[in-house]
């Protein structure tokens, strides 16, 4: 069936950021995947082995906002994130239900959640918010990236 498809029409239906074979494969994967799209909940598009995703997941679990997780294998997640972001294949990706664009940075997601959920206000106390953000940036960039590289080199 796929081999008989009109490739010209397929090229028009699927964005051309990746080879046509991968694009078609992504459409097939999405057709058979169960996603966490529920109208009344925020949706976290994630991969299992990411400390950035874990940081957001912890905040969502501590908070009182309804959410659901749409977990994927690393690499395959891009078929789902690019659908909602247009061009970014990063996780975590939080799809909000208030009409805002999806958020794809863990720090930005936490700040958004804190602005929406009073239960999470303790994450960024007003009296030391700048210092908390500096520490968070330090852990994300100076420790997070090397730890990710080390872990992925041993896992993959």
N, C-alpha and C. Protein backbone atom coordinates (compact mmCIF):
# COMPACT_ATOMS: atom_id res chain seq x y z
N UNK A 1 0.82 -1.20 0.00
CA UNK A 1 0.00 0.00 0.00
C UNK A 1 0.87 1.26 0.00
N UNK A 2 1.89 1.28 0.85
CA UNK A 2 2.76 2.44 0.90
C UNK A 2 3.53 2.59 -0.40
N UNK A 3 3.97 1.47 -0.97
CA UNK A 3 4.73 1.54 -2.21
C UNK A 3 3.89 2.07 -3.36
N UNK A 4 2.60 1.86 -3.30
CA UNK A 4 1.71 2.30 -4.37
C UNK A 4 1.26 3.75 -4.19
N UNK A 5 1.60 4.38 -3.07
CA UNK A 5 1.16 5.74 -2.79
C UNK A 5 1.79 6.72 -3.77
N UNK A 6 1.06 7.73 -4.13
CA UNK A 6 1.56 8.78 -5.01
C UNK A 6 2.53 9.64 -4.20
N UNK A 7 3.83 9.52 -4.48
CA UNK A 7 4.83 10.21 -3.66
C UNK A 7 4.73 11.71 -3.79
N UNK A 8 4.26 12.22 -4.91
CA UNK A 8 4.10 13.67 -5.05
C UNK A 8 3.06 14.18 -4.06
N UNK A 9 1.94 13.48 -3.93
CA UNK A 9 0.92 13.88 -2.96
C UNK A 9 1.44 13.73 -1.54
N UNK A 10 2.22 12.67 -1.28
CA UNK A 10 2.78 12.47 0.06
C UNK A 10 3.70 13.62 0.42
N UNK A 11 4.51 14.09 -0.53
CA UNK A 11 5.42 15.20 -0.26
C UNK A 11 4.66 16.47 0.11
N UNK A 12 3.50 16.67 -0.47
CA UNK A 12 2.70 17.84 -0.15
C UNK A 12 2.05 17.72 1.22
N UNK A 13 1.72 16.52 1.63
CA UNK A 13 1.03 16.30 2.90
C UNK A 13 1.97 16.32 4.10
N UNK A 14 3.26 16.01 3.90
CA UNK A 14 4.20 15.85 5.00
C UNK A 14 5.30 16.90 4.88
N UNK A 15 5.63 17.61 5.95
CA UNK A 15 6.73 18.58 5.89
C UNK A 15 8.03 17.91 5.45
N UNK A 16 8.88 18.65 4.76
CA UNK A 16 10.05 18.04 4.14
C UNK A 16 11.34 18.24 4.92
N UNK A 17 11.31 18.20 6.24
CA UNK A 17 12.52 18.35 7.04
C UNK A 17 13.36 17.09 7.05
N UNK A 18 12.79 15.94 6.75
CA UNK A 18 13.53 14.69 6.78
C UNK A 18 13.20 13.89 5.53
N UNK A 19 13.99 12.86 5.23
CA UNK A 19 13.73 12.06 4.03
C UNK A 19 12.31 11.51 4.00
N UNK A 20 11.79 11.36 2.79
CA UNK A 20 10.41 10.94 2.61
C UNK A 20 10.12 9.61 3.31
N UNK A 21 11.06 8.66 3.26
CA UNK A 21 10.85 7.36 3.92
C UNK A 21 10.62 7.51 5.41
N UNK A 22 11.41 8.37 6.07
CA UNK A 22 11.23 8.61 7.50
C UNK A 22 9.92 9.34 7.77
N UNK A 23 9.56 10.26 6.89
CA UNK A 23 8.31 10.98 7.07
C UNK A 23 7.12 10.03 7.01
N UNK A 24 7.13 9.14 6.03
CA UNK A 24 6.04 8.17 5.90
C UNK A 24 6.03 7.23 7.10
N UNK A 25 7.22 6.78 7.52
CA UNK A 25 7.33 5.92 8.70
C UNK A 25 6.77 6.61 9.93
N UNK A 26 7.05 7.91 10.08
CA UNK A 26 6.53 8.67 11.21
C UNK A 26 5.02 8.75 11.19
N UNK A 27 4.44 8.93 10.02
CA UNK A 27 2.97 8.96 9.91
C UNK A 27 2.37 7.61 10.30
N UNK A 28 3.03 6.53 9.92
CA UNK A 28 2.55 5.19 10.27
C UNK A 28 2.64 4.98 11.79
N UNK A 29 3.77 5.38 12.38
CA UNK A 29 3.95 5.26 13.83
C UNK A 29 2.86 6.03 14.56
N UNK A 30 2.59 7.26 14.12
CA UNK A 30 1.58 8.08 14.78
C UNK A 30 0.18 7.49 14.62
N UNK A 31 -0.07 6.87 13.48
CA UNK A 31 -1.39 6.29 13.24
C UNK A 31 -1.69 5.16 14.23
N UNK A 32 -0.65 4.44 14.65
CA UNK A 32 -0.85 3.31 15.55
C UNK A 32 -0.49 3.62 16.99
N UNK A 33 -0.12 4.85 17.27
CA UNK A 33 0.27 5.23 18.64
C UNK A 33 -0.91 5.81 19.39
N UNK A 34 -0.92 5.53 20.66
CA UNK A 34 -1.91 6.13 21.54
C UNK A 34 -1.25 7.34 22.17
N UNK A 35 -1.83 8.50 21.96
CA UNK A 35 -1.26 9.70 22.55
C UNK A 35 -2.13 10.17 23.69
N UNK A 36 -1.58 11.04 24.51
CA UNK A 36 -2.30 11.53 25.67
C UNK A 36 -3.13 12.76 25.40
N UNK A 37 -3.70 12.87 24.22
CA UNK A 37 -4.48 14.06 23.90
C UNK A 37 -5.86 13.99 24.55
N UNK A 38 -6.00 14.71 25.64
CA UNK A 38 -7.28 14.82 26.32
C UNK A 38 -7.58 16.30 26.47
N UNK A 39 -8.77 16.69 26.10
CA UNK A 39 -9.12 18.11 26.00
C UNK A 39 -8.96 18.90 27.29
N UNK A 40 -9.20 18.29 28.42
CA UNK A 40 -9.19 19.04 29.67
C UNK A 40 -7.86 18.99 30.40
N UNK A 41 -6.84 18.40 29.81
CA UNK A 41 -5.56 18.25 30.50
C UNK A 41 -4.42 18.81 29.65
N UNK A 42 -3.39 19.29 30.36
CA UNK A 42 -2.15 19.62 29.67
C UNK A 42 -1.50 18.32 29.25
N UNK A 43 -0.72 18.39 28.18
CA UNK A 43 -0.07 17.18 27.69
C UNK A 43 1.43 17.37 27.70
N UNK A 44 2.14 16.48 28.37
CA UNK A 44 3.59 16.49 28.40
C UNK A 44 4.10 15.44 27.41
N UNK A 45 4.73 15.91 26.34
CA UNK A 45 5.34 14.99 25.38
C UNK A 45 6.75 14.74 25.88
N UNK A 46 7.10 13.46 26.06
CA UNK A 46 8.35 13.15 26.75
C UNK A 46 9.06 11.94 26.17
N UNK A 47 10.30 11.79 26.62
CA UNK A 47 11.05 10.55 26.43
C UNK A 47 11.40 10.05 27.82
N UNK A 48 11.64 8.77 27.93
CA UNK A 48 11.82 8.17 29.26
C UNK A 48 13.13 8.58 29.93
N UNK A 49 14.21 8.66 29.18
CA UNK A 49 15.51 8.88 29.82
C UNK A 49 16.00 10.31 29.61
N UNK A 50 15.35 11.24 30.30
CA UNK A 50 15.76 12.64 30.21
C UNK A 50 15.58 13.30 31.57
N UNK A 51 16.65 13.86 32.10
CA UNK A 51 16.54 14.52 33.38
C UNK A 51 15.77 15.84 33.25
N UNK A 52 15.74 16.44 32.06
CA UNK A 52 14.94 17.64 31.85
C UNK A 52 13.45 17.29 31.91
N UNK A 53 13.06 16.18 31.30
CA UNK A 53 11.67 15.72 31.38
C UNK A 53 11.33 15.36 32.82
N UNK A 54 12.25 14.71 33.50
CA UNK A 54 11.99 14.30 34.88
C UNK A 54 11.74 15.50 35.78
N UNK A 55 12.48 16.57 35.56
CA UNK A 55 12.29 17.80 36.35
C UNK A 55 10.86 18.33 36.18
N UNK A 56 10.38 18.34 34.94
CA UNK A 56 9.01 18.82 34.67
C UNK A 56 7.98 17.84 35.23
N UNK A 57 8.24 16.55 35.07
CA UNK A 57 7.31 15.53 35.56
C UNK A 57 7.13 15.66 37.08
N UNK A 58 8.24 15.87 37.81
CA UNK A 58 8.15 16.05 39.26
C UNK A 58 7.28 17.25 39.61
N UNK A 59 7.47 18.36 38.91
CA UNK A 59 6.67 19.56 39.20
C UNK A 59 5.19 19.30 38.91
N UNK A 60 4.91 18.63 37.81
CA UNK A 60 3.51 18.33 37.49
C UNK A 60 2.88 17.41 38.53
N UNK A 61 3.65 16.45 39.02
CA UNK A 61 3.14 15.54 40.05
C UNK A 61 2.90 16.26 41.37
N UNK A 62 3.73 17.25 41.69
CA UNK A 62 3.55 18.02 42.92
C UNK A 62 2.39 19.00 42.83
N UNK A 63 2.12 19.47 41.63
CA UNK A 63 1.09 20.48 41.44
C UNK A 63 -0.31 19.92 41.43
N UNK A 64 -1.25 20.82 41.16
CA UNK A 64 -2.66 20.44 41.16
C UNK A 64 -3.30 20.55 39.78
N UNK A 65 -2.51 20.85 38.77
CA UNK A 65 -3.03 20.98 37.41
C UNK A 65 -3.19 19.59 36.79
N UNK A 66 -4.30 19.38 36.09
CA UNK A 66 -4.51 18.10 35.41
C UNK A 66 -3.58 18.01 34.21
N UNK A 67 -2.96 16.86 34.07
CA UNK A 67 -2.04 16.65 32.96
C UNK A 67 -1.99 15.17 32.60
N UNK A 68 -1.47 14.90 31.43
CA UNK A 68 -1.27 13.54 30.97
C UNK A 68 0.06 13.49 30.25
N UNK A 69 0.67 12.32 30.27
CA UNK A 69 1.98 12.18 29.62
C UNK A 69 1.85 11.40 28.32
N UNK A 70 2.54 11.88 27.33
CA UNK A 70 2.59 11.26 26.01
C UNK A 70 4.05 10.85 25.79
N UNK A 71 4.42 9.67 26.30
CA UNK A 71 5.81 9.23 26.27
C UNK A 71 6.17 8.49 24.99
N UNK A 72 7.41 8.71 24.54
CA UNK A 72 7.88 8.09 23.30
C UNK A 72 9.33 7.64 23.44
N UNK A 73 9.75 6.81 22.53
CA UNK A 73 11.15 6.41 22.46
C UNK A 73 11.98 7.58 21.96
N UNK A 74 13.22 7.71 22.45
CA UNK A 74 14.08 8.78 21.93
C UNK A 74 14.21 8.65 20.41
N UNK A 75 14.12 9.77 19.75
CA UNK A 75 14.18 9.79 18.29
C UNK A 75 12.79 9.79 17.67
N UNK A 76 11.94 8.88 18.12
CA UNK A 76 10.58 8.82 17.59
C UNK A 76 9.71 9.95 18.12
N UNK A 77 10.15 10.56 19.22
CA UNK A 77 9.38 11.66 19.80
C UNK A 77 9.24 12.83 18.84
N UNK A 78 10.20 12.99 17.93
CA UNK A 78 10.19 14.15 17.04
C UNK A 78 8.97 14.17 16.14
N UNK A 79 8.42 13.02 15.80
CA UNK A 79 7.21 12.98 14.97
C UNK A 79 6.03 13.61 15.71
N UNK A 80 6.06 13.59 17.04
CA UNK A 80 4.95 14.10 17.83
C UNK A 80 5.17 15.56 18.24
N UNK A 81 6.41 15.91 18.54
CA UNK A 81 6.67 17.30 18.95
C UNK A 81 6.59 18.26 17.76
N UNK A 82 7.07 17.86 16.60
CA UNK A 82 7.02 18.76 15.45
C UNK A 82 5.58 19.01 15.00
N UNK A 83 4.67 18.09 15.27
CA UNK A 83 3.26 18.32 14.94
C UNK A 83 2.69 19.50 15.71
N UNK A 84 3.08 19.66 16.96
CA UNK A 84 2.51 20.73 17.77
C UNK A 84 3.36 22.00 17.79
N UNK A 85 4.67 21.87 17.55
CA UNK A 85 5.54 23.05 17.59
C UNK A 85 5.81 23.61 16.20
N UNK A 86 5.68 22.79 15.20
CA UNK A 86 5.97 23.23 13.84
C UNK A 86 7.37 22.88 13.38
N UNK A 87 8.37 23.08 14.25
CA UNK A 87 9.74 22.80 13.80
C UNK A 87 10.67 22.30 14.90
N UNK A 88 10.25 22.29 16.13
CA UNK A 88 11.15 21.89 17.22
C UNK A 88 10.85 20.46 17.64
N UNK A 89 11.90 19.67 17.80
CA UNK A 89 11.71 18.28 18.20
C UNK A 89 12.28 18.02 19.60
N UNK A 90 12.18 19.02 20.46
CA UNK A 90 12.74 18.91 21.81
C UNK A 90 11.74 18.35 22.79
N UNK A 91 12.26 17.63 23.77
CA UNK A 91 11.46 17.26 24.93
C UNK A 91 12.18 17.82 26.15
N UNK A 92 11.46 18.15 27.18
CA UNK A 92 10.02 18.05 27.33
C UNK A 92 9.31 19.09 26.47
N UNK A 93 8.09 18.76 26.09
CA UNK A 93 7.23 19.67 25.35
C UNK A 93 5.88 19.68 26.05
N UNK A 94 5.50 20.82 26.59
CA UNK A 94 4.23 20.93 27.30
C UNK A 94 3.22 21.62 26.39
N UNK A 95 2.15 20.91 26.08
CA UNK A 95 1.06 21.46 25.28
C UNK A 95 0.00 21.92 26.28
N UNK A 96 -0.18 23.24 26.36
CA UNK A 96 -1.13 23.80 27.30
C UNK A 96 -2.52 23.83 26.69
N UNK A 97 -3.51 24.09 27.49
CA UNK A 97 -4.89 24.14 27.01
C UNK A 97 -5.44 25.56 27.04
N UNK A 98 -4.56 26.56 27.12
CA UNK A 98 -5.02 27.94 27.17
C UNK A 98 -4.74 28.73 25.90
N UNK A 99 -4.41 28.02 24.82
CA UNK A 99 -4.20 28.68 23.55
C UNK A 99 -2.79 29.18 23.31
N UNK A 100 -1.91 29.05 24.31
CA UNK A 100 -0.52 29.46 24.13
C UNK A 100 0.23 28.43 23.29
N UNK A 101 1.34 28.84 22.73
CA UNK A 101 2.18 27.92 21.98
C UNK A 101 2.77 26.89 22.93
N UNK A 102 3.07 25.67 22.44
CA UNK A 102 3.71 24.67 23.28
C UNK A 102 5.05 25.18 23.81
N UNK A 103 5.41 24.73 25.01
CA UNK A 103 6.64 25.17 25.66
C UNK A 103 7.63 24.01 25.62
N UNK A 104 8.86 24.27 25.14
CA UNK A 104 9.82 23.17 24.95
C UNK A 104 11.10 23.33 25.76
N UNK A 105 11.09 24.13 26.78
CA UNK A 105 12.27 24.27 27.65
C UNK A 105 11.85 23.98 29.07
N UNK A 106 12.59 23.13 29.77
CA UNK A 106 12.17 22.70 31.10
C UNK A 106 12.05 23.87 32.08
N UNK A 107 12.97 24.82 32.02
CA UNK A 107 12.89 25.97 32.92
C UNK A 107 11.67 26.83 32.59
N UNK A 108 11.43 27.06 31.32
CA UNK A 108 10.26 27.84 30.90
C UNK A 108 8.97 27.13 31.30
N UNK A 109 8.96 25.80 31.20
CA UNK A 109 7.78 25.03 31.60
C UNK A 109 7.54 25.20 33.10
N UNK A 110 8.60 25.08 33.91
CA UNK A 110 8.43 25.24 35.36
C UNK A 110 7.93 26.63 35.71
N UNK A 111 8.46 27.65 35.05
CA UNK A 111 8.00 29.01 35.34
C UNK A 111 6.54 29.18 34.94
N UNK A 112 6.16 28.60 33.81
CA UNK A 112 4.75 28.65 33.39
C UNK A 112 3.85 27.95 34.42
N UNK A 113 4.26 26.75 34.84
CA UNK A 113 3.46 26.01 35.82
C UNK A 113 3.32 26.77 37.13
N UNK A 114 4.41 27.41 37.57
CA UNK A 114 4.36 28.20 38.81
C UNK A 114 3.41 29.38 38.68
N UNK A 115 3.32 29.96 37.49
CA UNK A 115 2.41 31.09 37.31
C UNK A 115 0.95 30.64 37.28
N UNK A 116 0.71 29.38 36.95
CA UNK A 116 -0.66 28.86 36.85
C UNK A 116 -1.12 28.10 38.09
N UNK A 117 -0.19 27.59 38.87
CA UNK A 117 -0.54 26.73 40.00
C UNK A 117 0.08 27.26 41.29
N UNK A 118 -0.72 27.83 42.20
CA UNK A 118 -0.18 28.35 43.46
C UNK A 118 0.53 27.31 44.31
N UNK A 119 0.17 26.06 44.11
CA UNK A 119 0.81 24.98 44.87
C UNK A 119 2.30 24.85 44.54
N UNK A 120 2.72 25.38 43.38
CA UNK A 120 4.12 25.27 42.95
C UNK A 120 4.91 26.56 43.15
N UNK A 121 4.32 27.54 43.79
CA UNK A 121 4.98 28.84 43.98
C UNK A 121 6.30 28.71 44.74
N UNK A 122 6.43 27.68 45.56
CA UNK A 122 7.67 27.51 46.35
C UNK A 122 8.89 27.22 45.47
N UNK A 123 8.69 26.82 44.22
CA UNK A 123 9.83 26.53 43.34
C UNK A 123 10.62 27.78 42.99
N UNK A 124 9.94 28.91 42.87
CA UNK A 124 10.58 30.19 42.55
C UNK A 124 10.11 31.26 43.55
N UNK A 125 10.62 31.21 44.79
CA UNK A 125 10.21 32.21 45.79
C UNK A 125 10.61 33.61 45.32
N UNK A 126 9.75 34.57 45.53
CA UNK A 126 9.99 35.94 45.06
C UNK A 126 11.28 36.54 45.61
N UNK A 127 11.60 36.26 46.87
CA UNK A 127 12.76 36.88 47.49
C UNK A 127 14.10 36.36 46.96
N UNK A 128 14.11 35.20 46.32
CA UNK A 128 15.38 34.67 45.80
C UNK A 128 15.22 34.04 44.41
N UNK A 129 14.26 34.54 43.65
CA UNK A 129 13.97 33.97 42.33
C UNK A 129 15.18 34.03 41.39
N UNK A 130 15.90 35.16 41.41
CA UNK A 130 17.07 35.32 40.54
C UNK A 130 18.13 34.27 40.86
N UNK A 131 18.38 34.06 42.13
CA UNK A 131 19.39 33.08 42.55
C UNK A 131 18.96 31.65 42.18
N UNK A 132 17.68 31.35 42.34
CA UNK A 132 17.17 30.03 41.97
C UNK A 132 17.35 29.79 40.48
N UNK A 133 17.04 30.81 39.66
CA UNK A 133 17.21 30.68 38.21
C UNK A 133 18.68 30.50 37.82
N UNK A 134 19.58 31.18 38.52
CA UNK A 134 21.01 31.02 38.25
C UNK A 134 21.47 29.60 38.56
N UNK A 135 21.03 29.07 39.71
CA UNK A 135 21.38 27.70 40.07
C UNK A 135 20.78 26.70 39.09
N UNK A 136 19.54 26.94 38.71
CA UNK A 136 18.88 26.04 37.76
C UNK A 136 19.62 26.04 36.42
N UNK A 137 20.00 27.21 35.96
CA UNK A 137 20.76 27.31 34.70
C UNK A 137 22.11 26.61 34.83
N UNK A 138 22.76 26.78 35.97
CA UNK A 138 24.04 26.10 36.20
C UNK A 138 23.87 24.59 36.12
N UNK A 139 22.88 24.05 36.83
CA UNK A 139 22.67 22.60 36.81
C UNK A 139 22.27 22.11 35.43
N UNK A 140 21.43 22.88 34.73
CA UNK A 140 21.01 22.47 33.39
C UNK A 140 22.16 22.46 32.39
N UNK A 141 22.98 23.49 32.42
CA UNK A 141 24.02 23.63 31.40
C UNK A 141 25.37 23.00 31.80
N UNK A 142 25.84 23.30 32.99
CA UNK A 142 27.16 22.86 33.40
C UNK A 142 27.20 21.41 33.89
N UNK A 143 26.12 20.93 34.45
CA UNK A 143 26.08 19.54 34.91
C UNK A 143 25.20 18.67 34.02
N UNK A 144 24.05 19.21 33.61
CA UNK A 144 23.08 18.43 32.85
C UNK A 144 23.60 17.92 31.52
N UNK A 145 24.24 18.78 30.76
CA UNK A 145 24.73 18.39 29.44
C UNK A 145 25.83 17.33 29.54
N UNK A 146 26.87 17.50 30.39
CA UNK A 146 27.89 16.44 30.49
C UNK A 146 27.33 15.12 31.04
N UNK A 147 26.42 15.21 32.00
CA UNK A 147 25.82 13.98 32.54
C UNK A 147 25.02 13.27 31.46
N UNK A 148 24.27 14.03 30.67
CA UNK A 148 23.50 13.44 29.58
C UNK A 148 24.42 12.75 28.58
N UNK A 149 25.49 13.42 28.19
CA UNK A 149 26.43 12.82 27.23
C UNK A 149 27.05 11.53 27.78
N UNK A 150 27.46 11.58 29.04
CA UNK A 150 28.06 10.40 29.67
C UNK A 150 27.06 9.25 29.73
N UNK A 151 25.85 9.56 30.20
CA UNK A 151 24.83 8.51 30.35
C UNK A 151 24.42 7.93 28.99
N UNK A 152 24.18 8.80 28.02
CA UNK A 152 23.77 8.30 26.70
C UNK A 152 24.88 7.48 26.05
N UNK A 153 26.14 7.86 26.29
CA UNK A 153 27.23 7.08 25.68
C UNK A 153 27.31 5.68 26.25
N UNK A 154 26.84 5.50 27.48
CA UNK A 154 26.85 4.16 28.09
C UNK A 154 25.54 3.41 27.86
N UNK A 155 24.44 4.13 27.75
CA UNK A 155 23.15 3.50 27.54
C UNK A 155 22.97 3.08 26.09
N UNK A 156 23.32 4.01 25.20
CA UNK A 156 23.11 3.75 23.77
C UNK A 156 24.35 3.11 23.21
